[in-house]
PDB file of N, CA and C in Angstrom:
ATOM      1  N   MET A   1     -20.928   3.420  21.181  1.00  0.00           N
ATOM      2  CA  MET A   1     -21.257   3.856  19.840  1.00  0.00           C
ATOM      3  C   MET A   1     -21.269   2.690  18.869  1.00  0.00           C
ATOM      4  N   GLY A   2     -20.389   1.739  19.005  1.00  0.00           N
ATOM      5  CA  GLY A   2     -20.248   0.662  18.036  1.00  0.00           C
ATOM      6  C   GLY A   2     -21.479  -0.213  17.907  1.00  0.00           C
ATOM      7  N   TRP A   3     -21.934  -0.791  19.016  1.00  0.00           N
ATOM      8  CA  TRP A   3     -23.078  -1.699  18.959  1.00  0.00           C
ATOM      9  C   TRP A   3     -24.386  -0.968  18.787  1.00  0.00           C
ATOM     10  N   SER A   4     -24.462   0.270  19.228  1.00  0.00           N
ATOM     11  CA  SER A   4     -25.728   0.997  19.123  1.00  0.00           C
ATOM     12  C   SER A   4     -26.098   1.288  17.674  1.00  0.00           C
ATOM     13  N   LEU A   5     -25.113   1.346  16.776  1.00  0.00           N
ATOM     14  CA  LEU A   5     -25.414   1.568  15.366  1.00  0.00           C
ATOM     15  C   LEU A   5     -26.174   0.401  14.761  1.00  0.00           C
ATOM     16  N   LEU A   6     -25.885  -0.819  15.192  1.00  0.00           N
ATOM     17  CA  LEU A   6     -26.579  -1.981  14.652  1.00  0.00           C
ATOM     18  C   LEU A   6     -28.030  -2.066  15.098  1.00  0.00           C
ATOM     19  N   PHE A   7     -28.358  -1.454  16.229  1.00  0.00           N
ATOM     20  CA  PHE A   7     -29.708  -1.541  16.755  1.00  0.00           C
ATOM     21  C   PHE A   7     -30.628  -0.435  16.251  1.00  0.00           C
ATOM     22  N   GLN A   8     -30.116   0.462  15.431  1.00  0.00           N
ATOM     23  CA  GLN A   8     -30.979   1.499  14.862  1.00  0.00           C
ATOM     24  C   GLN A   8     -31.884   0.890  13.812  1.00  0.00           C
ATOM     25  N   GLN A   9     -33.037   1.510  13.590  1.00  0.00           N
ATOM     26  CA  GLN A   9     -34.056   0.961  12.697  1.00  0.00           C
ATOM     27  C   GLN A   9     -33.536   0.777  11.272  1.00  0.00           C
ATOM     28  N   GLN A  10     -32.794   1.732  10.754  1.00  0.00           N
ATOM     29  CA  GLN A  10     -32.331   1.639   9.366  1.00  0.00           C
ATOM     30  C   GLN A  10     -31.254   0.568   9.187  1.00  0.00           C
ATOM     31  N   ASN A  11     -30.641   0.100  10.259  1.00  0.00           N
ATOM     32  CA  ASN A  11     -29.589  -0.906  10.175  1.00  0.00           C
ATOM     33  C   ASN A  11     -30.043  -2.292  10.603  1.00  0.00           C
ATOM     34  N   LYS A  12     -31.334  -2.481  10.811  1.00  0.00           N
ATOM     35  CA  LYS A  12     -31.842  -3.745  11.326  1.00  0.00           C
ATOM     36  C   LYS A  12     -31.576  -4.901  10.368  1.00  0.00           C
ATOM     37  N   GLU A  13     -31.788  -4.687   9.076  1.00  0.00           N
ATOM     38  CA  GLU A  13     -31.555  -5.756   8.096  1.00  0.00           C
ATOM     39  C   GLU A  13     -30.074  -6.104   8.001  1.00  0.00           C
ATOM     40  N   VAL A  14     -29.219  -5.095   8.082  1.00  0.00           N
ATOM     41  CA  VAL A  14     -27.779  -5.338   8.039  1.00  0.00           C
ATOM     42  C   VAL A  14     -27.346  -6.124   9.276  1.00  0.00           C
ATOM     43  N   ALA A  15     -27.900  -5.802  10.421  1.00  0.00           N
ATOM     44  CA  ALA A  15     -27.559  -6.515  11.644  1.00  0.00           C
ATOM     45  C   ALA A  15     -27.992  -7.977  11.562  1.00  0.00           C
ATOM     46  N   LYS A  16     -29.164  -8.224  10.980  1.00  0.00           N
ATOM     47  CA  LYS A  16     -29.627  -9.607  10.813  1.00  0.00           C
ATOM     48  C   LYS A  16     -28.704 -10.377   9.883  1.00  0.00           C
ATOM     49  N   LYS A  17     -28.312  -9.743   8.784  1.00  0.00           N
ATOM     50  CA  LYS A  17     -27.435 -10.403   7.829  1.00  0.00           C
ATOM     51  C   LYS A  17     -26.064 -10.676   8.443  1.00  0.00           C
ATOM     52  N   LEU A  18     -25.525  -9.722   9.176  1.00  0.00           N
ATOM     53  CA  LEU A  18     -24.228  -9.898   9.829  1.00  0.00           C
ATOM     54  C   LEU A  18     -24.297 -10.978  10.904  1.00  0.00           C
ATOM     55  N   GLY A  19     -25.364 -10.988  11.683  1.00  0.00           N
ATOM     56  CA  GLY A  19     -25.521 -12.021  12.710  1.00  0.00           C
ATOM     57  C   GLY A  19     -25.672 -13.403  12.106  1.00  0.00           C
ATOM     58  N   GLY A  20     -26.444 -13.500  11.028  1.00  0.00           N
ATOM     59  CA  GLY A  20     -26.599 -14.787  10.358  1.00  0.00           C
ATOM     60  C   GLY A  20     -25.302 -15.284   9.760  1.00  0.00           C
ATOM     61  N   ALA A  21     -24.554 -14.398   9.139  1.00  0.00           N
ATOM     62  CA  ALA A  21     -23.268 -14.785   8.555  1.00  0.00           C
ATOM     63  C   ALA A  21     -22.282 -15.196   9.644  1.00  0.00           C
ATOM     64  N   THR A  22     -22.288 -14.496  10.761  1.00  0.00           N
ATOM     65  CA  THR A  22     -21.403 -14.854  11.870  1.00  0.00           C
ATOM     66  C   THR A  22     -21.767 -16.226  12.432  1.00  0.00           C
ATOM     67  N   LEU A  23     -23.046 -16.474  12.592  1.00  0.00           N
ATOM     68  CA  LEU A  23     -23.497 -17.767  13.096  1.00  0.00           C
ATOM     69  C   LEU A  23     -23.130 -18.887  12.122  1.00  0.00           C
ATOM     70  N   MET A  24     -23.325 -18.654  10.828  1.00  0.00           N
ATOM     71  CA  MET A  24     -22.979 -19.664   9.830  1.00  0.00           C
ATOM     72  C   MET A  24     -21.469 -19.894   9.770  1.00  0.00           C
ATOM     73  N   MET A  25     -20.679 -18.829   9.895  1.00  0.00           N
ATOM     74  CA  MET A  25     -19.225 -18.981   9.860  1.00  0.00           C
ATOM     75  C   MET A  25     -18.710 -19.766  11.068  1.00  0.00           C
ATOM     76  N   PHE A  26     -19.438 -19.706  12.157  1.00  0.00           N
ATOM     77  CA  PHE A  26     -19.007 -20.429  13.352  1.00  0.00           C
ATOM     78  C   PHE A  26     -19.463 -21.883  13.340  1.00  0.00           C
ATOM     79  N   THR A  27     -20.687 -22.145  12.884  1.00  0.00           N
ATOM     80  CA  THR A  27     -21.244 -23.481  13.026  1.00  0.00           C
ATOM     81  C   THR A  27     -21.059 -24.377  11.801  1.00  0.00           C
ATOM     82  N   LEU A  28     -21.303 -23.864  10.608  1.00  0.00           N
ATOM     83  CA  LEU A  28     -21.303 -24.733   9.432  1.00  0.00           C
ATOM     84  C   LEU A  28     -19.961 -25.413   9.150  1.00  0.00           C
ATOM     85  N   PRO A  29     -18.814 -24.712   9.228  1.00  0.00           N
ATOM     86  CA  PRO A  29     -17.560 -25.434   8.993  1.00  0.00           C
ATOM     87  C   PRO A  29     -17.272 -26.524  10.025  1.00  0.00           C
ATOM     88  N   ILE A  30     -17.629 -26.292  11.279  1.00  0.00           N
ATOM     89  CA  ILE A  30     -17.397 -27.302  12.315  1.00  0.00           C
ATOM     90  C   ILE A  30     -18.296 -28.517  12.088  1.00  0.00           C
ATOM     91  N   ILE A  31     -19.562 -28.268  11.795  1.00  0.00           N
ATOM     92  CA  ILE A  31     -20.482 -29.371  11.511  1.00  0.00           C
ATOM     93  C   ILE A  31     -20.027 -30.134  10.274  1.00  0.00           C
ATOM     94  N   THR A  32     -19.635 -29.408   9.235  1.00  0.00           N
ATOM     95  CA  THR A  32     -19.177 -30.055   8.007  1.00  0.00           C
ATOM     96  C   THR A  32     -17.938 -30.903   8.268  1.00  0.00           C
ATOM     97  N   PHE A  33     -17.016 -30.389   9.063  1.00  0.00           N
ATOM     98  CA  PHE A  33     -15.792 -31.137   9.355  1.00  0.00           C
ATOM     99  C   PHE A  33     -16.118 -32.472  10.019  1.00  0.00           C
ATOM    100  N   TYR A  34     -16.937 -32.453  11.058  1.00  0.00           N
ATOM    101  CA  TYR A  34     -17.194 -33.693  11.786  1.00  0.00           C
ATOM    102  C   TYR A  34     -18.092 -34.653  11.020  1.00  0.00           C
ATOM    103  N   VAL A  35     -19.048 -34.147  10.268  1.00  0.00           N
ATOM    104  CA  VAL A  35     -19.876 -35.031   9.438  1.00  0.00           C
ATOM    105  C   VAL A  35     -19.024 -35.699   8.377  1.00  0.00           C
ATOM    106  N   CYS A  36     -18.165 -34.917   7.740  1.00  0.00           N
ATOM    107  CA  CYS A  36     -17.289 -35.492   6.717  1.00  0.00           C
ATOM    108  C   CYS A  36     -16.249 -36.426   7.318  1.00  0.00           C
ATOM    109  N   LEU A  37     -15.759 -36.124   8.498  1.00  0.00           N
ATOM    110  CA  LEU A  37     -14.739 -36.950   9.141  1.00  0.00           C
ATOM    111  C   LEU A  37     -15.283 -38.331   9.501  1.00  0.00           C
ATOM    112  N   TYR A  38     -16.478 -38.380  10.093  1.00  0.00           N
ATOM    113  CA  TYR A  38     -16.994 -39.649  10.596  1.00  0.00           C
ATOM    114  C   TYR A  38     -17.903 -40.396   9.635  1.00  0.00           C
ATOM    115  N   TYR A  39     -18.492 -39.704   8.654  1.00  0.00           N
ATOM    116  CA  TYR A  39     -19.449 -40.377   7.785  1.00  0.00           C
ATOM    117  C   TYR A  39     -19.045 -40.373   6.313  1.00  0.00           C
ATOM    118  N   VAL A  40     -18.618 -39.248   5.792  1.00  0.00           N
ATOM    119  CA  VAL A  40     -18.380 -39.130   4.356  1.00  0.00           C
ATOM    120  C   VAL A  40     -17.013 -39.672   3.966  1.00  0.00           C
ATOM    121  N   PHE A  41     -15.953 -39.264   4.672  1.00  0.00           N
ATOM    122  CA  PHE A  41     -14.588 -39.635   4.302  1.00  0.00           C
ATOM    123  C   PHE A  41     -13.954 -40.598   5.303  1.00  0.00           C
ATOM    124  N   ALA A  42     -14.722 -41.378   6.019  1.00  0.00           N
ATOM    125  CA  ALA A  42     -14.172 -42.287   7.026  1.00  0.00           C
ATOM    126  C   ALA A  42     -13.324 -43.385   6.400  1.00  0.00           C
ATOM    127  N   HIS A  43     -13.597 -43.760   5.168  1.00  0.00           N
ATOM    128  CA  HIS A  43     -12.875 -44.842   4.507  1.00  0.00           C
ATOM    129  C   HIS A  43     -11.603 -44.376   3.789  1.00  0.00           C
ATOM    130  N   LYS A  44     -11.363 -43.083   3.714  1.00  0.00           N
ATOM    131  CA  LYS A  44     -10.168 -42.558   3.033  1.00  0.00           C
ATOM    132  C   LYS A  44      -8.930 -42.756   3.899  1.00  0.00           C
ATOM    133  N   ALA A  45      -7.764 -42.644   3.267  1.00  0.00           N
ATOM    134  CA  ALA A  45      -6.509 -42.814   4.010  1.00  0.00           C
ATOM    135  C   ALA A  45      -6.272 -41.668   4.987  1.00  0.00           C
ATOM    136  N   GLU A  46      -6.590 -40.456   4.591  1.00  0.00           N
ATOM    137  CA  GLU A  46      -6.423 -39.271   5.448  1.00  0.00           C
ATOM    138  C   GLU A  46      -7.765 -38.550   5.586  1.00  0.00           C
ATOM    139  N   PRO A  47      -8.645 -39.034   6.432  1.00  0.00           N
ATOM    140  CA  PRO A  47      -9.966 -38.393   6.537  1.00  0.00           C
ATOM    141  C   PRO A  47      -9.916 -36.982   7.112  1.00  0.00           C
ATOM    142  N   ASN A  48      -8.900 -36.686   7.935  1.00  0.00           N
ATOM    143  CA  ASN A  48      -8.783 -35.330   8.489  1.00  0.00           C
ATOM    144  C   ASN A  48      -8.520 -34.311   7.390  1.00  0.00           C
ATOM    145  N   ALA A  49      -7.693 -34.653   6.441  1.00  0.00           N
ATOM    146  CA  ALA A  49      -7.386 -33.730   5.355  1.00  0.00           C
ATOM    147  C   ALA A  49      -8.608 -33.493   4.473  1.00  0.00           C
ATOM    148  N   TRP A  50      -9.318 -34.562   4.158  1.00  0.00           N
ATOM    149  CA  TRP A  50     -10.517 -34.420   3.322  1.00  0.00           C
ATOM    150  C   TRP A  50     -11.609 -33.631   4.049  1.00  0.00           C
ATOM    151  N   ALA A  51     -11.799 -33.917   5.323  1.00  0.00           N
ATOM    152  CA  ALA A  51     -12.813 -33.199   6.099  1.00  0.00           C
ATOM    153  C   ALA A  51     -12.424 -31.733   6.268  1.00  0.00           C
ATOM    154  N   GLY A  52     -11.137 -31.454   6.459  1.00  0.00           N
ATOM    155  CA  GLY A  52     -10.671 -30.068   6.549  1.00  0.00           C
ATOM    156  C   GLY A  52     -10.890 -29.311   5.253  1.00  0.00           C
ATOM    157  N   GLY A  53     -10.634 -29.983   4.136  1.00  0.00           N
ATOM    158  CA  GLY A  53     -10.896 -29.359   2.832  1.00  0.00           C
ATOM    159  C   GLY A  53     -12.367 -29.061   2.630  1.00  0.00           C
ATOM    160  N   ALA A  54     -13.226 -29.972   3.066  1.00  0.00           N
ATOM    161  CA  ALA A  54     -14.674 -29.727   2.946  1.00  0.00           C
ATOM    162  C   ALA A  54     -15.100 -28.557   3.824  1.00  0.00           C
ATOM    163  N   ALA A  55     -14.529 -28.461   5.021  1.00  0.00           N
ATOM    164  CA  ALA A  55     -14.853 -27.341   5.910  1.00  0.00           C
ATOM    165  C   ALA A  55     -14.390 -26.018   5.315  1.00  0.00           C
ATOM    166  N   ILE A  56     -13.236 -26.029   4.660  1.00  0.00           N
ATOM    167  CA  ILE A  56     -12.748 -24.808   4.003  1.00  0.00           C
ATOM    168  C   ILE A  56     -13.665 -24.405   2.856  1.00  0.00           C
ATOM    169  N   MET A  57     -14.146 -25.384   2.110  1.00  0.00           N
ATOM    170  CA  MET A  57     -15.074 -25.085   1.008  1.00  0.00           C
ATOM    171  C   MET A  57     -16.371 -24.466   1.534  1.00  0.00           C
ATOM    172  N   VAL A  58     -16.882 -24.996   2.634  1.00  0.00           N
ATOM    173  CA  VAL A  58     -18.102 -24.438   3.219  1.00  0.00           C
ATOM    174  C   VAL A  58     -17.849 -23.025   3.719  1.00  0.00           C
ATOM    175  N   THR A  59     -16.691 -22.783   4.313  1.00  0.00           N
ATOM    176  CA  THR A  59     -16.351 -21.433   4.761  1.00  0.00           C
ATOM    177  C   THR A  59     -16.317 -20.461   3.594  1.00  0.00           C
ATOM    178  N   ASN A  60     -15.713 -20.876   2.495  1.00  0.00           N
ATOM    179  CA  ASN A  60     -15.668 -20.009   1.311  1.00  0.00           C
ATOM    180  C   ASN A  60     -17.053 -19.770   0.734  1.00  0.00           C
ATOM    181  N   LEU A  61     -17.923 -20.759   0.780  1.00  0.00           N
ATOM    182  CA  LEU A  61     -19.298 -20.572   0.304  1.00  0.00           C
ATOM    183  C   LEU A  61     -20.055 -19.561   1.161  1.00  0.00           C
ATOM    184  N   VAL A  62     -19.842 -19.600   2.461  1.00  0.00           N
ATOM    185  CA  VAL A  62     -20.486 -18.620   3.348  1.00  0.00           C
ATOM    186  C   VAL A  62     -19.979 -17.219   3.037  1.00  0.00           C
ATOM    187  N   ILE A  63     -18.682 -17.072   2.804  1.00  0.00           N
ATOM    188  CA  ILE A  63     -18.112 -15.768   2.470  1.00  0.00           C
ATOM    189  C   ILE A  63     -18.674 -15.261   1.147  1.00  0.00           C
ATOM    190  N   VAL A  64     -18.746 -16.143   0.156  1.00  0.00           N
ATOM    191  CA  VAL A  64     -19.307 -15.748  -1.150  1.00  0.00           C
ATOM    192  C   VAL A  64     -20.752 -15.333  -0.994  1.00  0.00           C
ATOM    193  N   TRP A  65     -21.538 -16.083  -0.216  1.00  0.00           N
ATOM    194  CA  TRP A  65     -22.945 -15.714   0.007  1.00  0.00           C
ATOM    195  C   TRP A  65     -23.047 -14.325   0.636  1.00  0.00           C
ATOM    196  N   TYR A  66     -22.221 -14.052   1.631  1.00  0.00           N
ATOM    197  CA  TYR A  66     -22.292 -12.765   2.318  1.00  0.00           C
ATOM    198  C   TYR A  66     -21.909 -11.619   1.392  1.00  0.00           C
ATOM    199  N   VAL A  67     -20.860 -11.789   0.612  1.00  0.00           N
ATOM    200  CA  VAL A  67     -20.417 -10.716  -0.288  1.00  0.00           C
ATOM    201  C   VAL A  67     -21.450 -10.464  -1.380  1.00  0.00           C
ATOM    202  N   VAL A  68     -21.991 -11.526  -1.973  1.00  0.00           N
ATOM    203  CA  VAL A  68     -22.999 -11.351  -3.023  1.00  0.00           C
ATOM    204  C   VAL A  68     -24.249 -10.701  -2.464  1.00  0.00           C
ATOM    205  N   SER A  69     -24.681 -11.117  -1.292  1.00  0.00           N
ATOM    206  CA  SER A  69     -25.882 -10.514  -0.720  1.00  0.00           C
ATOM    207  C   SER A  69     -25.638  -9.064  -0.310  1.00  0.00           C
ATOM    208  N   ALA A  70     -24.430  -8.734   0.108  1.00  0.00           N
ATOM    209  CA  ALA A  70     -24.127  -7.345   0.473  1.00  0.00           C
ATOM    210  C   ALA A  70     -24.103  -6.446  -0.753  1.00  0.00           C
ATOM    211  N   PHE A  71     -23.553  -6.936  -1.850  1.00  0.00           N
ATOM    212  CA  PHE A  71     -23.506  -6.123  -3.063  1.00  0.00           C
ATOM    213  C   PHE A  71     -24.845  -6.060  -3.783  1.00  0.00           C
ATOM    214  N   SER A  72     -25.736  -7.001  -3.538  1.00  0.00           N
ATOM    215  CA  SER A  72     -27.013  -7.011  -4.250  1.00  0.00           C
ATOM    216  C   SER A  72     -28.095  -6.188  -3.563  1.00  0.00           C
ATOM    217  N   GLU A  73     -27.868  -5.733  -2.343  1.00  0.00           N
ATOM    218  CA  GLU A  73     -28.893  -4.930  -1.680  1.00  0.00           C
ATOM    219  C   GLU A  73     -28.873  -3.502  -2.222  1.00  0.00           C
ATOM    220  N   GLU A  74     -30.028  -2.881  -2.177  1.00  0.00           N
ATOM    221  CA  GLU A  74     -30.161  -1.532  -2.719  1.00  0.00           C
ATOM    222  C   GLU A  74     -29.529  -0.517  -1.777  1.00  0.00           C
ATOM    223  N   ASP A  75     -28.995   0.540  -2.376  1.00  0.00           N
ATOM    224  CA  ASP A  75     -28.400   1.610  -1.595  1.00  0.00           C
ATOM    225  C   ASP A  75     -29.415   2.731  -1.490  1.00  0.00           C
ATOM    226  N   ASP A  76     -30.014   2.886  -0.322  1.00  0.00           N
ATOM    227  CA  ASP A  76     -31.065   3.881  -0.134  1.00  0.00           C
ATOM    228  C   ASP A  76     -30.527   5.296  -0.022  1.00  0.00           C
ATOM    229  N   SER A  77     -29.253   5.453   0.295  1.00  0.00           N
ATOM    230  CA  SER A  77     -28.720   6.791   0.512  1.00  0.00           C
ATOM    231  C   SER A  77     -28.525   7.558  -0.786  1.00  0.00           C
ATOM    232  N   LEU A  78     -28.383   6.864  -1.906  1.00  0.00           N
ATOM    233  CA  LEU A  78     -28.192   7.541  -3.187  1.00  0.00           C
ATOM    234  C   LEU A  78     -29.486   7.519  -3.985  1.00  0.00           C
ATOM    235  N   THR A  79     -30.240   8.570  -3.873  1.00  0.00           N
ATOM    236  CA  THR A  79     -31.445   8.701  -4.675  1.00  0.00           C
ATOM    237  C   THR A  79     -31.136   9.609  -5.851  1.00  0.00           C
ATOM    238  N   PRO A  80     -31.746   9.365  -7.013  1.00  0.00           N
ATOM    239  CA  PRO A  80     -31.455  10.223  -8.168  1.00  0.00           C
ATOM    240  C   PRO A  80     -31.763  11.681  -7.871  1.00  0.00           C
ATOM    241  N   GLY A  81     -30.826  12.532  -8.188  1.00  0.00           N
ATOM    242  CA  GLY A  81     -31.006  13.961  -7.983  1.00  0.00           C
ATOM    243  C   GLY A  81     -30.438  14.483  -6.680  1.00  0.00           C
ATOM    244  N   SER A  82     -30.089  13.586  -5.762  1.00  0.00           N
ATOM    245  CA  SER A  82     -29.578  14.068  -4.482  1.00  0.00           C
ATOM    246  C   SER A  82     -28.107  14.455  -4.587  1.00  0.00           C
ATOM    247  N   GLU A  83     -27.288  13.601  -5.155  1.00  0.00           N
ATOM    248  CA  GLU A  83     -25.870  13.900  -5.345  1.00  0.00           C
ATOM    249  C   GLU A  83     -25.514  13.527  -6.768  1.00  0.00           C
ATOM    250  N   GLY A  84     -25.155  14.457  -7.571  1.00  0.00           N
ATOM    251  CA  GLY A  84     -24.792  14.166  -8.952  1.00  0.00           C
ATOM    252  C   GLY A  84     -26.022  13.908  -9.796  1.00  0.00           C
ATOM    253  N   ASP A  85     -25.910  13.002 -10.744  1.00  0.00           N
ATOM    254  CA  ASP A  85     -27.037  12.666 -11.597  1.00  0.00           C
ATOM    255  C   ASP A  85     -27.267  11.164 -11.547  1.00  0.00           C
ATOM    256  N   ALA A  86     -27.954  10.620 -12.531  1.00  0.00           N
ATOM    257  CA  ALA A  86     -28.283   9.195 -12.515  1.00  0.00           C
ATOM    258  C   ALA A  86     -27.041   8.315 -12.601  1.00  0.00           C
ATOM    259  N   ASP A  87     -25.955   8.824 -13.175  1.00  0.00           N
ATOM    260  CA  ASP A  87     -24.730   8.048 -13.295  1.00  0.00           C
ATOM    261  C   ASP A  87     -23.877   8.115 -12.035  1.00  0.00           C
ATOM    262  N   GLY A  88     -24.240   8.928 -11.078  1.00  0.00           N
ATOM    263  CA  GLY A  88     -23.468   9.062  -9.856  1.00  0.00           C
ATOM    264  C   GLY A  88     -22.809  10.432  -9.778  1.00  0.00           C
ATOM    265  N   PRO A  89     -22.127  10.700  -8.690  1.00  0.00           N
ATOM    266  CA  PRO A  89     -21.475  12.002  -8.548  1.00  0.00           C
ATOM    267  C   PRO A  89     -20.334  12.154  -9.543  1.00  0.00           C
ATOM    268  N   ARG A  90     -20.162  13.353 -10.020  1.00  0.00           N
ATOM    269  CA  ARG A  90     -19.091  13.631 -10.985  1.00  0.00           C
ATOM    270  C   ARG A  90     -17.800  13.906 -10.220  1.00  0.00           C
ATOM    271  N   VAL A  91     -16.742  13.211 -10.627  1.00  0.00           N
ATOM    272  CA  VAL A  91     -15.453  13.368  -9.963  1.00  0.00           C
ATOM    273  C   VAL A  91     -14.366  13.520 -11.012  1.00  0.00           C
ATOM    274  N   GLY A  92     -13.225  14.016 -10.585  1.00  0.00           N
ATOM    275  CA  GLY A  92     -12.071  14.136 -11.464  1.00  0.00           C
ATOM    276  C   GLY A  92     -12.309  15.091 -12.620  1.00  0.00           C
ATOM    277  N   ALA A  93     -11.986  14.669 -13.846  1.00  0.00           N
ATOM    278  CA  ALA A  93     -12.106  15.500 -15.028  1.00  0.00           C
ATOM    279  C   ALA A  93     -13.554  15.807 -15.381  1.00  0.00           C
ATOM    280  N   PHE A  94     -14.492  15.017 -14.867  1.00  0.00           N
ATOM    281  CA  PHE A  94     -15.897  15.194 -15.197  1.00  0.00           C
ATOM    282  C   PHE A  94     -16.625  16.104 -14.209  1.00  0.00           C
ATOM    283  N   LYS A  95     -15.938  16.560 -13.165  1.00  0.00           N
ATOM    284  CA  LYS A  95     -16.543  17.386 -12.156  1.00  0.00           C
ATOM    285  C   LYS A  95     -16.790  18.800 -12.712  1.00  0.00           C
ATOM    286  N   ARG A  96     -17.928  19.349 -12.433  1.00  0.00           N
ATOM    287  CA  ARG A  96     -18.253  20.708 -12.887  1.00  0.00           C
ATOM    288  C   ARG A  96     -17.734  21.715 -11.875  1.00  0.00           C
ATOM    289  N   ARG A  97     -17.108  22.743 -12.383  1.00  0.00           N
ATOM    290  CA  ARG A  97     -16.606  23.803 -11.511  1.00  0.00           C
ATOM    291  C   ARG A  97     -17.746  24.723 -11.126  1.00  0.00           C
ATOM    292  N   THR A  98     -17.741  25.137  -9.890  1.00  0.00           N
ATOM    293  CA  THR A  98     -18.799  26.021  -9.411  1.00  0.00           C
ATOM    294  C   THR A  98     -18.278  27.386  -9.007  1.00  0.00           C
ATOM    295  N   ASP A  99     -17.012  27.705  -9.279  1.00  0.00           N
ATOM    296  CA  ASP A  99     -16.475  28.993  -8.848  1.00  0.00           C
ATOM    297  C   ASP A  99     -16.547  30.039  -9.901  1.00  0.00           C
TER     298      ASP A  99
END
């Protein structure tokens, strides 16, 4: 059940985004660490610390990219008039009683 949900037609874009983010989370920090270790911060006193910090920054940038892109995509399941009104479903004190 788990993997089959990603292969459905309506989830294809989400699967691509998740796969891309996973690939970037695996490769970009490692590449950044070694590039910074041997080329950018080779002359520093502690190049491992500087390269590790750069790898952490790249990891955080990938996370920020994924979260922003996830929140910026449209939600197709909520169409106006389907549940609630244009402001969303009414809950709590604003909920209309139907009894």
